[in-house]
Amino acid sequence: MAATIFIAMIVLLLLGFPMMIPLIVGAFIGFFTMFGGMGQMETMVQQMLAGIRPASLIAVPMFIFAADIMTRGQSAGRLIDLVMAFVGHVRGGLAISTAAACTLFGAVSGSTQATVVAVGSPLRPRMLKAGYKDSFILALIVNASDIAFLIPPSIGMIIYGVVSNTSIAELFIAGIGPGLLILVLFSIYSYIYALRNNVPTEERATWSERGRALLAALWPMGFPVIIIGGIYGGVFSPTEAAAACVLYALLLEVVVFRSITVGEVYQTAKSTGLITAVVFILVGAGAAFSWVISFAQVPQAILGAIGITEMGAIGVLFVISIAFFVGCMFVDPIVVILVLVPIFAPVVDAVGLDPVLVGVIITLQVAIGSATPPFGCDIFTAIAVFKRPYIEVIRGTPPFIFILIGVAVALIFFPQIALFARDLAFR
């Protein structure tokens, strides 16, 4: 049965069907085979509905909605101007500003694709004019946007928290350390790149210009205060923080900045609804598919074959890292989380691993895989946004991938990179 399911799914993917179709078909084949016909198909529907029932998932469409409002409005531009005012003049400052802007926008959106659009669209022309190669620019934008997976609010962490029954608030706080470490390493590499390629520096901003940029960015900087400060201070749950972000984004862009109209809010809400529908269909289909393979004891057979039950904690983390990294090179990150997390959950419990640490490592591997050839989803987002060929988009990615992998390995051996802030906030 397992072979039939996976062959059918691969064929459908090769034929160009969106990922939700192979998942639903795979679950259908499993239920049909195990229960001998159509008699138990209502169980499949029940499992799909159970997958989208957790209240924590309400945060997903709200964070997407808030990010869409900010992308249409002025918040993204003001955050970019703030970073440029303070670091734009140093060697490689424009590249460092791009990485920092991706981090800041990730802290208010939680979406890698939204970060690629919001930060990459205005900064790529400036970097081209400054003398950076387009392959470096595209690779920097694609990989720096993945910091949004780690910096709260991370949609990937929300999905993982729901699937694994792990505290989303703790995951959010634990992702800050690795996210900032990646920003520092990307900045160092950008400095070295600019030095080796003799990229000219930008003109230093005056203190009055910095003051104006800081003043203009004060309102958008309220988003991480609401999310991180609200959750850390016990004022909000992650879901409540998402609702507060939507209200704050509406007040900011419609009332304070007056950058979007009420009609544009409606269009934004419709766009968010379409994206949310796709996400929730994937979640429901993934839940049904995970139930099928768990009921058929496929995970036990696979994990037993590779001997993971005899490995220690370090070995299990390496296997998990490789599985998620490879999975996200080919399949949508949400699907990989939905399918693989239930497979590894028993092993994680058996070896006594901290589920928050595992969640951060999985989220980082998902981020790396999303920007890695051949089918990383952020690569195709960049192709669509910047209208550049596939080869050009991926040409400059290896150094950034090596940096991300290095951070992933460091997390395995030095878990306090992630857990220090979590322990400080919740222990």
Protein backbone atom coordinates (compact mmCIF):
# COMPACT_ATOMS: atom_id res chain seq x y z
CA MET A 1 0.00 0.00 0.00
CA ALA A 2 2.73 2.46 0.95
CA ALA A 3 4.51 1.93 -2.37
CA THR A 4 1.26 2.49 -4.30
CA ILE A 5 0.57 5.73 -2.41
CA PHE A 6 4.03 7.18 -2.96
CA ILE A 7 4.16 6.19 -6.63
CA ALA A 8 0.75 7.81 -7.23
CA MET A 9 1.86 10.98 -5.43
CA ILE A 10 5.13 11.24 -7.40
CA VAL A 11 3.30 10.73 -10.70
CA LEU A 12 0.81 13.48 -9.83
CA LEU A 13 3.62 15.85 -8.85
CA LEU A 14 5.48 15.16 -12.08
CA LEU A 15 2.28 15.86 -14.02
CA GLY A 16 2.21 19.31 -12.46
CA PHE A 17 -0.63 19.01 -9.96
CA PRO A 18 -0.44 21.33 -6.90
CA MET A 19 0.73 19.60 -3.73
CA MET A 20 -2.74 19.44 -2.18
CA ILE A 21 -3.93 17.01 -4.90
CA PRO A 22 -1.24 14.32 -4.33
CA LEU A 23 -1.83 14.56 -0.57
CA ILE A 24 -5.59 14.09 -0.88
CA VAL A 25 -5.19 11.29 -3.43
CA GLY A 26 -2.59 9.57 -1.22
CA ALA A 27 -4.91 9.74 1.79
CA PHE A 28 -7.83 8.48 -0.32
CA ILE A 29 -5.84 5.48 -1.58
CA GLY A 30 -4.81 4.67 1.96
CA PHE A 31 -8.33 4.80 3.39
CA PHE A 32 -9.76 2.89 0.41
CA THR A 33 -7.15 0.13 0.74
CA MET A 34 -7.19 -0.21 4.52
CA PHE A 35 -10.98 -0.25 4.89
CA GLY A 36 -11.81 -2.18 1.74
CA GLY A 37 -13.77 0.39 -0.23
CA MET A 38 -15.74 3.60 0.25
CA GLY A 39 -17.43 2.60 3.50
CA GLN A 40 -15.09 4.54 5.81
CA MET A 41 -14.49 7.63 3.70
CA GLU A 42 -16.19 9.75 6.37
CA THR A 43 -13.19 8.95 8.59
CA MET A 44 -10.93 10.63 6.05
CA VAL A 45 -13.11 13.75 6.11
CA GLN A 46 -13.09 13.70 9.92
CA GLN A 47 -9.29 13.56 9.96
CA MET A 48 -9.06 16.46 7.52
CA LEU A 49 -11.39 18.55 9.65
CA ALA A 50 -9.48 17.58 12.80
CA GLY A 51 -6.32 18.90 11.18
CA ILE A 52 -7.71 22.43 10.82
CA ARG A 53 -9.68 22.47 14.09
CA PRO A 54 -6.96 23.64 16.56
CA ALA A 55 -7.64 27.19 17.70
CA SER A 56 -3.95 28.12 17.38
CA LEU A 57 -4.25 27.94 13.58
CA ILE A 58 -6.39 31.09 13.68
CA ALA A 59 -3.10 32.98 14.05
CA VAL A 60 -1.99 31.94 10.55
CA PRO A 61 -4.51 33.92 8.45
CA MET A 62 -4.25 36.90 10.79
CA PHE A 63 -0.46 37.13 10.49
CA ILE A 64 -0.79 36.72 6.70
CA PHE A 65 -3.41 39.51 6.64
CA ALA A 66 -1.23 41.85 8.72
CA ALA A 67 1.77 41.16 6.45
CA ASP A 68 -0.29 41.85 3.31
CA ILE A 69 -1.51 45.16 4.73
CA MET A 70 2.05 46.24 5.60
CA THR A 71 3.38 45.21 2.19
CA ARG A 72 0.78 47.35 0.44
CA GLY A 73 1.38 50.26 2.83
CA GLN A 74 4.43 52.18 4.04
CA SER A 75 5.66 50.03 6.93
CA ALA A 76 8.14 47.99 4.89
CA GLY A 77 9.67 51.08 3.28
CA ARG A 78 10.08 52.86 6.60
CA LEU A 79 11.85 49.87 8.13
CA ILE A 80 14.22 49.70 5.15
CA ASP A 81 14.99 53.43 5.41
CA LEU A 82 15.78 53.04 9.11
CA VAL A 83 18.32 50.28 8.52
CA MET A 84 19.90 52.13 5.59
CA ALA A 85 20.33 55.29 7.64
CA PHE A 86 22.46 53.52 10.25
CA VAL A 87 24.50 50.91 8.33
CA GLY A 88 24.24 51.91 4.66
CA HIS A 89 27.60 53.74 4.71
CA VAL A 90 29.82 50.85 5.90
CA ARG A 91 31.57 48.49 3.49
CA GLY A 92 28.88 46.14 2.21
CA GLY A 93 26.36 48.32 4.03
CA LEU A 94 23.67 48.03 1.36
CA ALA A 95 23.85 44.22 1.52
CA ILE A 96 23.91 44.28 5.32
CA SER A 97 20.91 46.63 5.25
CA THR A 98 19.06 44.16 3.01
CA ALA A 99 19.70 41.28 5.42
CA ALA A 100 18.70 43.42 8.42
CA ALA A 101 15.58 44.68 6.64
CA CYS A 102 14.57 41.07 5.90
CA THR A 103 15.00 40.30 9.60
CA LEU A 104 12.95 43.32 10.68
CA PHE A 105 10.18 42.63 8.19
CA GLY A 106 10.21 38.96 9.17
CA ALA A 107 9.58 40.13 12.73
CA VAL A 108 6.34 41.73 11.61
CA SER A 109 5.16 39.30 8.92
CA GLY A 110 6.38 35.74 9.62
CA SER A 111 6.33 35.00 5.90
CA THR A 112 9.38 34.39 3.70
CA GLN A 113 7.50 35.09 0.47
CA ALA A 114 6.14 38.40 1.79
CA THR A 115 9.68 39.36 2.86
CA VAL A 116 11.10 38.59 -0.60
CA VAL A 117 8.54 40.93 -2.17
CA ALA A 118 8.53 43.71 0.43
CA VAL A 119 12.32 44.01 0.87
CA GLY A 120 13.64 42.69 -2.42
CA SER A 121 11.56 44.86 -4.73
CA PRO A 122 12.89 48.26 -3.51
CA LEU A 123 16.45 47.20 -2.57
CA ARG A 124 17.47 45.09 -5.57
CA PRO A 125 17.61 48.09 -7.98
CA ARG A 126 19.69 50.04 -5.46
CA MET A 127 22.14 47.17 -5.04
CA LEU A 128 22.49 46.75 -8.81
CA LYS A 129 23.23 50.47 -9.14
CA ALA A 130 25.82 50.21 -6.34
CA GLY A 131 27.77 47.52 -8.23
CA TYR A 132 26.66 44.24 -6.67
CA LYS A 133 26.28 41.25 -8.99
CA ASP A 134 22.69 40.21 -9.52
CA SER A 135 23.44 36.60 -8.58
CA PHE A 136 24.69 37.77 -5.16
CA ILE A 137 21.69 40.10 -4.71
CA LEU A 138 19.12 37.44 -5.52
CA ALA A 139 20.82 34.85 -3.30
CA LEU A 140 21.03 37.33 -0.42
CA ILE A 141 17.35 38.29 -0.67
CA VAL A 142 16.15 34.69 -0.96
CA ASN A 143 18.24 33.41 1.95
CA ALA A 144 17.92 36.43 4.24
CA SER A 145 14.15 36.25 3.86
CA ASP A 146 14.33 32.80 5.46
CA ILE A 147 15.20 34.49 8.75
CA ALA A 148 11.46 35.27 8.82
CA PHE A 149 10.93 31.55 9.50
CA LEU A 150 12.81 31.90 12.78
CA ILE A 151 12.03 35.41 14.00
CA PRO A 152 8.52 35.54 15.51
CA PRO A 153 5.82 35.47 14.27
CA SER A 154 6.84 32.39 12.30
CA ILE A 155 4.05 30.64 10.42
CA GLY A 156 6.21 27.52 10.24
CA MET A 157 6.53 27.48 14.03
CA ILE A 158 2.78 27.87 14.42
CA ILE A 159 2.18 24.81 12.23
CA TYR A 160 4.85 22.82 14.07
CA GLY A 161 3.42 23.85 17.46
CA VAL A 162 -0.06 22.72 16.45
CA VAL A 163 1.10 19.39 15.01
CA SER A 164 3.46 18.53 17.89
CA ASN A 165 1.39 20.11 20.69
CA THR A 166 4.34 22.34 21.64
CA SER A 167 4.05 25.83 23.15
CA ILE A 168 4.02 28.33 20.28
CA ALA A 169 5.02 31.14 22.63
CA GLU A 170 8.16 29.23 23.66
CA LEU A 171 8.96 28.44 20.02
CA PHE A 172 8.68 32.12 19.11
CA ILE A 173 11.11 33.22 21.81
CA ALA A 174 13.54 30.36 21.07
CA GLY A 175 13.78 31.34 17.39
CA ILE A 176 15.19 34.82 18.11
CA GLY A 177 18.76 33.71 18.97
CA PRO A 178 19.38 31.59 15.84
CA GLY A 179 17.72 34.27 13.67
CA LEU A 180 20.02 37.01 14.96
CA LEU A 181 23.06 34.72 14.63
CA ILE A 182 22.23 34.14 10.96
CA LEU A 183 21.87 37.91 10.45
CA VAL A 184 25.34 38.50 11.95
CA LEU A 185 26.95 35.79 9.78
CA PHE A 186 25.22 37.05 6.62
CA SER A 187 26.44 40.57 7.46
CA ILE A 188 30.04 39.35 7.86
CA TYR A 189 29.87 37.54 4.52
CA SER A 190 28.38 40.64 2.87
CA TYR A 191 31.24 42.75 4.22
CA ILE A 192 33.83 40.28 2.89
CA TYR A 193 32.07 40.11 -0.49
CA ALA A 194 32.00 43.91 -0.83
CA LEU A 195 35.66 44.13 0.19
CA ARG A 196 36.81 41.48 -2.30
CA ASN A 197 34.74 42.94 -5.16
CA ASN A 198 35.60 46.55 -4.31
CA VAL A 199 31.94 47.56 -4.05
CA PRO A 200 31.75 51.31 -3.27
CA THR A 201 30.16 52.46 -0.04
CA GLU A 202 27.02 54.56 0.27
CA GLU A 203 27.12 58.15 1.51
CA ARG A 204 26.94 58.37 5.30
CA ALA A 205 23.58 59.63 6.58
CA THR A 206 23.64 62.66 8.85
CA TRP A 207 22.38 62.36 12.40
CA SER A 208 19.37 64.47 11.48
CA GLU A 209 18.56 62.05 8.64
CA ARG A 210 18.95 59.14 11.04
CA GLY A 211 16.67 60.86 13.50
CA ARG A 212 14.00 61.36 10.85
CA ALA A 213 14.31 57.72 9.72
CA LEU A 214 14.02 56.54 13.33
CA LEU A 215 11.00 58.74 13.93
CA ALA A 216 9.33 57.49 10.74
CA ALA A 217 9.96 53.85 11.73
CA LEU A 218 8.70 54.12 15.30
CA TRP A 219 5.15 53.11 14.37
CA PRO A 220 6.17 50.01 12.34
CA MET A 221 8.55 49.00 15.14
CA GLY A 222 5.48 48.56 17.29
CA PHE A 223 4.80 45.21 15.62
CA PRO A 224 7.67 43.26 17.26
CA VAL A 225 6.83 45.01 20.54
CA ILE A 226 3.26 43.72 20.31
CA ILE A 227 4.32 40.20 19.32
CA ILE A 228 7.43 39.59 21.41
CA GLY A 229 6.69 41.96 24.29
CA GLY A 230 3.05 40.93 24.51
CA ILE A 231 3.82 37.21 24.56
CA TYR A 232 6.90 37.55 26.81
CA GLY A 233 4.98 39.76 29.23
CA GLY A 234 2.02 37.40 29.38
CA VAL A 235 -0.33 40.00 27.91
CA PHE A 236 -1.17 38.01 24.76
CA SER A 237 -1.28 34.44 23.61
CA PRO A 238 0.22 34.02 20.09
CA THR A 239 -3.29 33.97 18.60
CA GLU A 240 -4.27 37.14 20.45
CA ALA A 241 -1.01 38.78 19.35
CA ALA A 242 -1.93 37.97 15.73
CA ALA A 243 -5.32 39.64 16.14
CA ALA A 244 -3.66 42.68 17.74
CA CYS A 245 -1.24 42.88 14.80
CA VAL A 246 -4.10 42.99 12.29
CA LEU A 247 -5.81 45.81 14.21
CA TYR A 248 -2.50 47.67 14.56
CA ALA A 249 -1.72 47.28 10.84
CA LEU A 250 -5.16 48.60 9.87
CA LEU A 251 -4.90 51.61 12.18
CA LEU A 252 -1.36 52.32 11.00
CA GLU A 253 -1.84 52.09 7.23
CA VAL A 254 -5.45 53.32 6.94
CA VAL A 255 -5.67 55.96 9.68
CA VAL A 256 -2.12 57.13 10.55
CA PHE A 257 -0.21 56.81 7.26
CA ARG A 258 -3.31 56.84 5.01
CA SER A 259 -1.35 54.72 2.56
CA ILE A 260 -4.20 52.37 1.66
CA THR A 261 -7.94 52.90 1.28
CA VAL A 262 -10.82 50.89 2.68
CA GLY A 263 -11.33 49.40 -0.79
CA GLU A 264 -7.72 48.20 -0.85
CA VAL A 265 -8.25 46.62 2.57
CA TYR A 266 -11.06 44.58 1.01
CA GLN A 267 -8.79 43.47 -1.85
CA THR A 268 -6.07 42.60 0.67
CA ALA A 269 -8.53 40.57 2.74
CA LYS A 270 -9.63 38.68 -0.37
CA SER A 271 -6.02 37.89 -1.25
CA THR A 272 -5.41 36.71 2.32
CA GLY A 273 -8.50 34.52 2.12
CA LEU A 274 -7.21 32.79 -1.00
CA ILE A 275 -3.79 32.15 0.54
CA THR A 276 -5.38 30.93 3.78
CA ALA A 277 -7.65 28.55 1.87
CA VAL A 278 -4.63 26.96 0.19
CA VAL A 279 -2.77 26.69 3.51
CA PHE A 280 -5.72 25.14 5.32
CA ILE A 281 -6.42 22.64 2.52
CA LEU A 282 -2.77 21.60 2.79
CA VAL A 283 -3.08 21.32 6.58
CA GLY A 284 -6.26 19.23 6.37
CA ALA A 285 -4.93 16.98 3.62
CA GLY A 286 -1.63 16.60 5.45
CA ALA A 287 -3.43 15.60 8.66
CA ALA A 288 -5.41 12.88 6.84
CA PHE A 289 -2.29 11.64 5.05
CA SER A 290 -0.31 11.54 8.32
CA TRP A 291 -3.11 9.54 9.94
CA VAL A 292 -3.01 7.01 7.09
CA ILE A 293 0.72 6.39 7.21
CA SER A 294 0.67 6.27 11.03
CA PHE A 295 -2.24 3.77 11.04
CA ALA A 296 -0.36 1.62 8.50
CA GLN A 297 2.77 1.83 10.73
CA VAL A 298 4.88 3.09 7.84
CA PRO A 299 6.95 5.40 10.09
CA GLN A 300 7.86 2.56 12.42
CA ALA A 301 9.06 0.49 9.48
CA ILE A 302 11.15 3.31 8.00
CA LEU A 303 12.71 4.42 11.29
CA GLY A 304 13.41 0.83 12.26
CA ALA A 305 15.16 0.21 8.95
CA ILE A 306 17.59 3.10 9.47
CA GLY A 307 18.15 2.16 13.12
CA ILE A 308 17.12 5.52 14.55
CA THR A 309 15.74 3.90 17.70
CA GLU A 310 19.30 2.89 18.63
CA MET A 311 20.76 6.37 18.13
CA GLY A 312 21.40 8.94 20.82
CA ALA A 313 19.96 12.45 20.92
CA ILE A 314 22.65 13.91 18.61
CA GLY A 315 22.13 11.19 16.01
CA VAL A 316 18.35 11.67 16.06
CA LEU A 317 18.75 15.43 15.54
CA PHE A 318 21.03 14.84 12.55
CA VAL A 319 18.54 12.42 10.99
CA ILE A 320 15.68 14.87 11.57
CA SER A 321 17.74 17.72 10.09
CA ILE A 322 18.59 15.77 6.95
CA ALA A 323 15.01 14.56 6.47
CA PHE A 324 13.50 18.06 6.68
CA PHE A 325 16.25 19.67 4.63
CA VAL A 326 15.86 17.18 1.78
CA GLY A 327 12.06 17.22 2.02
CA CYS A 328 11.82 21.00 1.63
CA MET A 329 14.10 20.93 -1.41
CA PHE A 330 11.22 19.27 -3.25
CA VAL A 331 7.95 19.92 -1.38
CA ASP A 332 6.15 22.86 0.27
CA PRO A 333 7.45 23.46 3.84
CA ILE A 334 4.00 23.21 5.44
CA VAL A 335 3.46 19.79 3.88
CA VAL A 336 6.85 18.56 5.08
CA ILE A 337 6.10 19.69 8.65
CA LEU A 338 2.66 18.08 8.58
CA VAL A 339 3.92 14.75 7.25
CA LEU A 340 7.28 14.32 8.98
CA VAL A 341 6.67 15.75 12.47
CA PRO A 342 4.23 12.94 13.48
CA ILE A 343 6.73 10.38 12.15
CA PHE A 344 9.58 11.61 14.34
CA ALA A 345 7.50 12.58 17.41
CA PRO A 346 7.73 9.14 19.14
CA VAL A 347 11.50 9.05 18.69
CA VAL A 348 11.89 12.61 20.01
CA ASP A 349 9.95 11.62 23.12
CA ALA A 350 11.89 8.36 23.51
CA VAL A 351 15.33 10.01 23.59
CA GLY A 352 14.13 12.88 25.80
CA LEU A 353 14.76 15.77 23.39
CA ASP A 354 13.31 19.20 24.17
CA PRO A 355 10.44 19.65 21.66
CA VAL A 356 11.16 23.40 21.51
CA LEU A 357 14.75 22.76 20.43
CA VAL A 358 13.54 20.22 17.89
CA GLY A 359 11.00 22.76 16.61
CA VAL A 360 13.66 25.44 16.11
CA ILE A 361 15.97 23.00 14.31
CA ILE A 362 13.10 21.80 12.10
CA THR A 363 12.08 25.39 11.33
CA LEU A 364 15.66 26.25 10.37
CA GLN A 365 15.95 23.18 8.14
CA VAL A 366 12.63 24.10 6.53
CA ALA A 367 14.02 27.59 5.88
CA ILE A 368 17.22 26.19 4.34
CA GLY A 369 15.32 23.74 2.14
CA SER A 370 12.97 26.51 0.98
CA ALA A 371 15.93 28.37 -0.55
CA THR A 372 17.80 25.32 -1.87
CA PRO A 373 17.63 23.91 -5.43
CA PRO A 374 16.02 22.19 -7.14
CA PHE A 375 12.51 23.17 -6.00
CA GLY A 376 12.87 25.44 -2.95
CA CYS A 377 9.68 27.54 -2.91
CA ASP A 378 11.49 30.86 -2.23
CA ILE A 379 13.54 30.38 -5.39
CA PHE A 380 10.39 30.36 -7.50
CA THR A 381 9.02 33.34 -5.59
CA ALA A 382 12.16 35.27 -6.56
CA ILE A 383 11.87 34.11 -10.18
CA ALA A 384 8.28 35.38 -10.32
CA VAL A 385 8.98 38.69 -8.54
CA PHE A 386 12.25 39.67 -10.24
CA LYS A 387 11.67 38.04 -13.64
CA ARG A 388 15.10 36.40 -13.65
CA PRO A 389 16.05 32.91 -14.94
CA TYR A 390 16.33 29.98 -12.56
CA ILE A 391 20.12 29.56 -12.97
CA GLU A 392 20.79 33.19 -12.13
CA VAL A 393 18.68 33.01 -8.98
CA ILE A 394 20.47 29.94 -7.60
CA ARG A 395 24.01 30.77 -8.76
CA GLY A 396 24.97 32.75 -5.66
CA THR A 397 23.23 30.60 -3.06
CA PRO A 398 26.01 28.13 -1.99
CA PRO A 399 27.81 30.45 0.50
CA PHE A 400 24.53 31.34 2.19
CA ILE A 401 23.44 27.70 2.31
CA PHE A 402 26.76 26.76 3.96
CA ILE A 403 26.25 29.49 6.57
CA LEU A 404 22.73 28.25 7.32
CA ILE A 405 23.89 24.64 7.56
CA GLY A 406 26.68 25.77 9.91
CA VAL A 407 24.12 27.41 12.20
CA ALA A 408 21.98 24.25 12.08
CA VAL A 409 24.95 22.11 13.17
CA ALA A 410 25.82 24.63 15.90
CA LEU A 411 22.25 24.35 17.23
CA ILE A 412 22.63 20.59 17.59
CA PHE A 413 25.83 20.85 19.62
CA PHE A 414 25.06 24.13 21.40
CA PRO A 415 21.29 24.12 22.01
CA GLN A 416 21.48 27.15 24.32
CA ILE A 417 21.72 29.32 21.21
CA ALA A 418 17.97 28.73 21.00
CA LEU A 419 17.03 27.74 24.52
CA PHE A 420 18.73 30.55 26.48
CA ALA A 421 16.02 33.12 25.69
CA ARG A 422 13.28 30.51 26.18
CA ASP A 423 14.63 29.53 29.60
CA LEU A 424 14.99 33.19 30.57
CA ALA A 425 11.40 33.93 29.61
CA PHE A 426 9.57 30.79 30.71
CA ARG A 427 11.64 28.90 33.25
